[in-house]
Amino acid sequence: MPALLTRAPNRPAPDLSTPQLRHRKDAGDARLMTRQPRPLLRPFYLAAGLVAMALGIIGIPVPLLPTVPFFILAAFFFARSSPRLEARLLDHRRYGPHIRRWREHGAISRKAKQAATIAFAVSIALSLWLAPWPWPAVTIAAALVSGTWIWCRPEA
């Protein structure tokens, strides 16, 4: 075994029964271990999760504001602050499967990739039509970088 993967001889194995580490069952029955933050940080994680959730909800009717990435971010924060809210997100009929696929495999569905590509094309067209010249170049560059990253992710 490589030296980087072995434990230091003087350091004991972590005690998994401490309140800092807990096991929980995900909606997909995958055993996940999440590290619980210090109690003082939980309100900040909860507030950040609520902000991300609000942005995701605003993104439902707004065409160019993404919804699922904000819900994935909210699930990240809720995992560290509110297991009940995290479970509600993971059990959601429409958005839960996307969040679980992202957590388990870092995967984005082909339909979501196509929707993101269409949204990028619309935003490029709008910026070319409405903005003075240097700004459409920024939109094109951002769409190219983001679109390349999205299409390089595995598909679920």
Protein backbone atom coordinates (compact mmCIF):
# COMPACT_ATOMS: atom_id res chain seq x y z
CA MET A 1 0.00 0.00 0.00
CA PRO A 2 1.40 3.44 -0.86
CA ALA A 3 2.67 5.50 2.03
CA LEU A 4 0.07 8.21 1.40
CA LEU A 5 -2.81 5.84 2.06
CA THR A 6 -1.55 4.37 5.34
CA ARG A 7 -2.33 5.79 8.74
CA ALA A 8 0.44 7.24 10.86
CA PRO A 9 1.55 4.58 13.41
CA ASN A 10 0.98 6.85 16.43
CA ARG A 11 -2.43 8.08 15.33
CA PRO A 12 -5.40 5.93 16.41
CA ALA A 13 -8.24 5.09 14.04
CA PRO A 14 -11.13 7.57 14.20
CA ASP A 15 -13.92 6.69 16.60
CA LEU A 16 -17.07 6.53 14.46
CA SER A 17 -19.34 6.53 17.50
CA THR A 18 -18.56 10.16 18.35
CA PRO A 19 -21.24 12.78 17.64
CA GLN A 20 -18.90 14.44 15.13
CA LEU A 21 -19.39 11.57 12.64
CA ARG A 22 -22.69 9.92 11.93
CA HIS A 23 -24.05 7.42 9.44
CA ARG A 24 -27.39 7.87 7.78
CA LYS A 25 -29.32 6.19 5.07
CA ASP A 26 -29.90 8.19 1.93
CA ALA A 27 -33.15 7.88 0.00
CA GLY A 28 -31.31 5.56 -2.39
CA ASP A 29 -30.17 3.31 0.51
CA ALA A 30 -26.56 4.37 -0.06
CA ARG A 31 -24.66 4.57 3.22
CA LEU A 32 -23.17 8.02 3.52
CA MET A 33 -20.98 9.40 6.26
CA THR A 34 -21.35 13.12 6.78
CA ARG A 35 -19.24 15.22 9.07
CA GLN A 36 -21.31 17.34 11.38
CA PRO A 37 -20.10 20.93 11.83
CA ARG A 38 -19.53 22.61 15.12
CA PRO A 39 -22.83 23.65 16.71
CA LEU A 40 -21.99 27.33 16.23
CA LEU A 41 -21.79 26.89 12.43
CA ARG A 42 -25.15 25.16 12.01
CA PRO A 43 -27.20 28.40 11.87
CA PHE A 44 -24.92 29.71 9.11
CA TYR A 45 -25.26 26.50 7.12
CA LEU A 46 -29.02 26.62 7.63
CA ALA A 47 -29.19 30.25 6.46
CA ALA A 48 -27.04 29.47 3.41
CA GLY A 49 -29.25 26.49 2.61
CA LEU A 50 -32.39 28.60 2.86
CA VAL A 51 -30.88 31.26 0.57
CA ALA A 52 -29.90 28.60 -1.98
CA MET A 53 -33.37 27.09 -1.71
CA ALA A 54 -34.98 30.50 -2.27
CA LEU A 55 -32.83 31.11 -5.35
CA GLY A 56 -33.78 27.68 -6.67
CA ILE A 57 -37.48 28.41 -6.15
CA ILE A 58 -37.11 31.77 -7.90
CA GLY A 59 -35.39 29.90 -10.74
CA ILE A 60 -38.46 27.75 -11.40
CA PRO A 61 -40.41 30.46 -13.27
CA VAL A 62 -37.38 32.53 -14.37
CA PRO A 63 -36.07 30.99 -17.61
CA LEU A 64 -32.33 31.63 -17.35
CA LEU A 65 -31.87 31.11 -13.58
CA PRO A 66 -30.98 27.46 -12.89
CA THR A 67 -33.02 25.55 -10.32
CA VAL A 68 -31.34 22.19 -9.71
CA PRO A 69 -27.81 23.58 -9.02
CA PHE A 70 -29.24 25.76 -6.26
CA PHE A 71 -31.13 22.76 -4.84
CA ILE A 72 -27.91 20.71 -4.91
CA LEU A 73 -26.18 23.52 -3.03
CA ALA A 74 -29.08 23.70 -0.56
CA ALA A 75 -28.83 19.94 0.05
CA PHE A 76 -25.11 20.37 0.76
CA PHE A 77 -25.84 23.02 3.39
CA PHE A 78 -28.83 21.17 4.85
CA ALA A 79 -26.69 18.03 5.28
CA ARG A 80 -24.64 20.09 7.73
CA SER A 81 -27.51 21.85 9.47
CA SER A 82 -30.93 20.23 9.08
CA PRO A 83 -31.29 16.52 8.25
CA ARG A 84 -35.06 16.99 8.00
CA LEU A 85 -34.78 19.61 5.24
CA GLU A 86 -32.09 17.56 3.49
CA ALA A 87 -34.37 14.52 3.52
CA ARG A 88 -37.25 16.58 2.09
CA LEU A 89 -35.03 17.69 -0.79
CA LEU A 90 -33.72 14.17 -1.44
CA ASP A 91 -37.26 12.75 -1.38
CA HIS A 92 -38.70 15.38 -3.72
CA ARG A 93 -40.36 13.72 -6.69
CA ARG A 94 -38.91 16.01 -9.35
CA TYR A 95 -35.59 17.31 -7.97
CA GLY A 96 -34.54 14.50 -5.61
CA PRO A 97 -33.25 12.14 -8.34
CA HIS A 98 -31.07 14.91 -9.82
CA ILE A 99 -29.57 15.70 -6.41
CA ARG A 100 -28.89 12.02 -5.64
CA ARG A 101 -27.28 11.41 -9.05
CA TRP A 102 -25.05 14.44 -8.52
CA ARG A 103 -24.03 13.27 -5.04
CA GLU A 104 -23.37 9.69 -6.04
CA HIS A 105 -21.76 10.07 -9.47
CA GLY A 106 -21.37 13.78 -10.26
CA ALA A 107 -23.76 13.06 -13.14
CA ILE A 108 -26.01 15.37 -15.15
CA SER A 109 -28.79 13.96 -17.32
CA ARG A 110 -28.66 14.44 -21.08
CA LYS A 111 -31.95 16.37 -20.96
CA ALA A 112 -30.45 18.81 -18.43
CA LYS A 113 -27.33 19.21 -20.57
CA GLN A 114 -29.47 20.01 -23.60
CA ALA A 115 -31.57 22.49 -21.60
CA ALA A 116 -28.42 24.22 -20.36
CA THR A 117 -27.07 24.44 -23.91
CA ILE A 118 -30.32 26.02 -25.12
CA ALA A 119 -30.25 28.49 -22.21
CA PHE A 120 -26.65 29.41 -23.09
CA ALA A 121 -27.63 29.97 -26.73
CA VAL A 122 -30.56 32.20 -25.71
CA SER A 123 -28.38 34.24 -23.35
CA ILE A 124 -25.72 34.68 -26.05
CA ALA A 125 -28.37 35.80 -28.55
CA LEU A 126 -29.85 38.26 -26.04
CA SER A 127 -26.45 39.70 -25.16
CA LEU A 128 -25.53 40.10 -28.84
CA TRP A 129 -28.81 41.89 -29.45
CA LEU A 130 -29.03 44.08 -26.32
CA ALA A 131 -25.51 44.72 -25.01
CA PRO A 132 -22.68 46.84 -26.42
CA TRP A 133 -19.80 44.88 -27.90
CA PRO A 134 -17.36 43.91 -25.15
CA TRP A 135 -20.12 42.36 -23.02
CA PRO A 136 -21.32 39.71 -25.48
CA ALA A 137 -17.75 38.39 -25.59
CA VAL A 138 -17.93 37.80 -21.83
CA THR A 139 -21.24 35.96 -22.24
CA ILE A 140 -19.81 33.82 -25.05
CA ALA A 141 -16.70 32.96 -23.02
CA ALA A 142 -18.76 32.07 -19.92
CA ALA A 143 -21.12 29.91 -22.00
CA LEU A 144 -18.22 28.10 -23.66
CA VAL A 145 -16.46 27.36 -20.37
CA SER A 146 -19.66 26.35 -18.55
CA GLY A 147 -21.03 24.34 -21.46
CA THR A 148 -17.77 22.46 -21.89
CA TRP A 149 -17.72 21.59 -18.19
CA ILE A 150 -21.37 20.46 -18.25
CA TRP A 151 -20.90 18.23 -21.31
CA CYS A 152 -17.76 16.68 -19.77
CA ARG A 153 -19.73 15.46 -16.72
CA PRO A 154 -20.94 11.84 -16.76
CA GLU A 155 -24.54 11.15 -17.77
CA ALA A 156 -27.02 9.43 -15.55
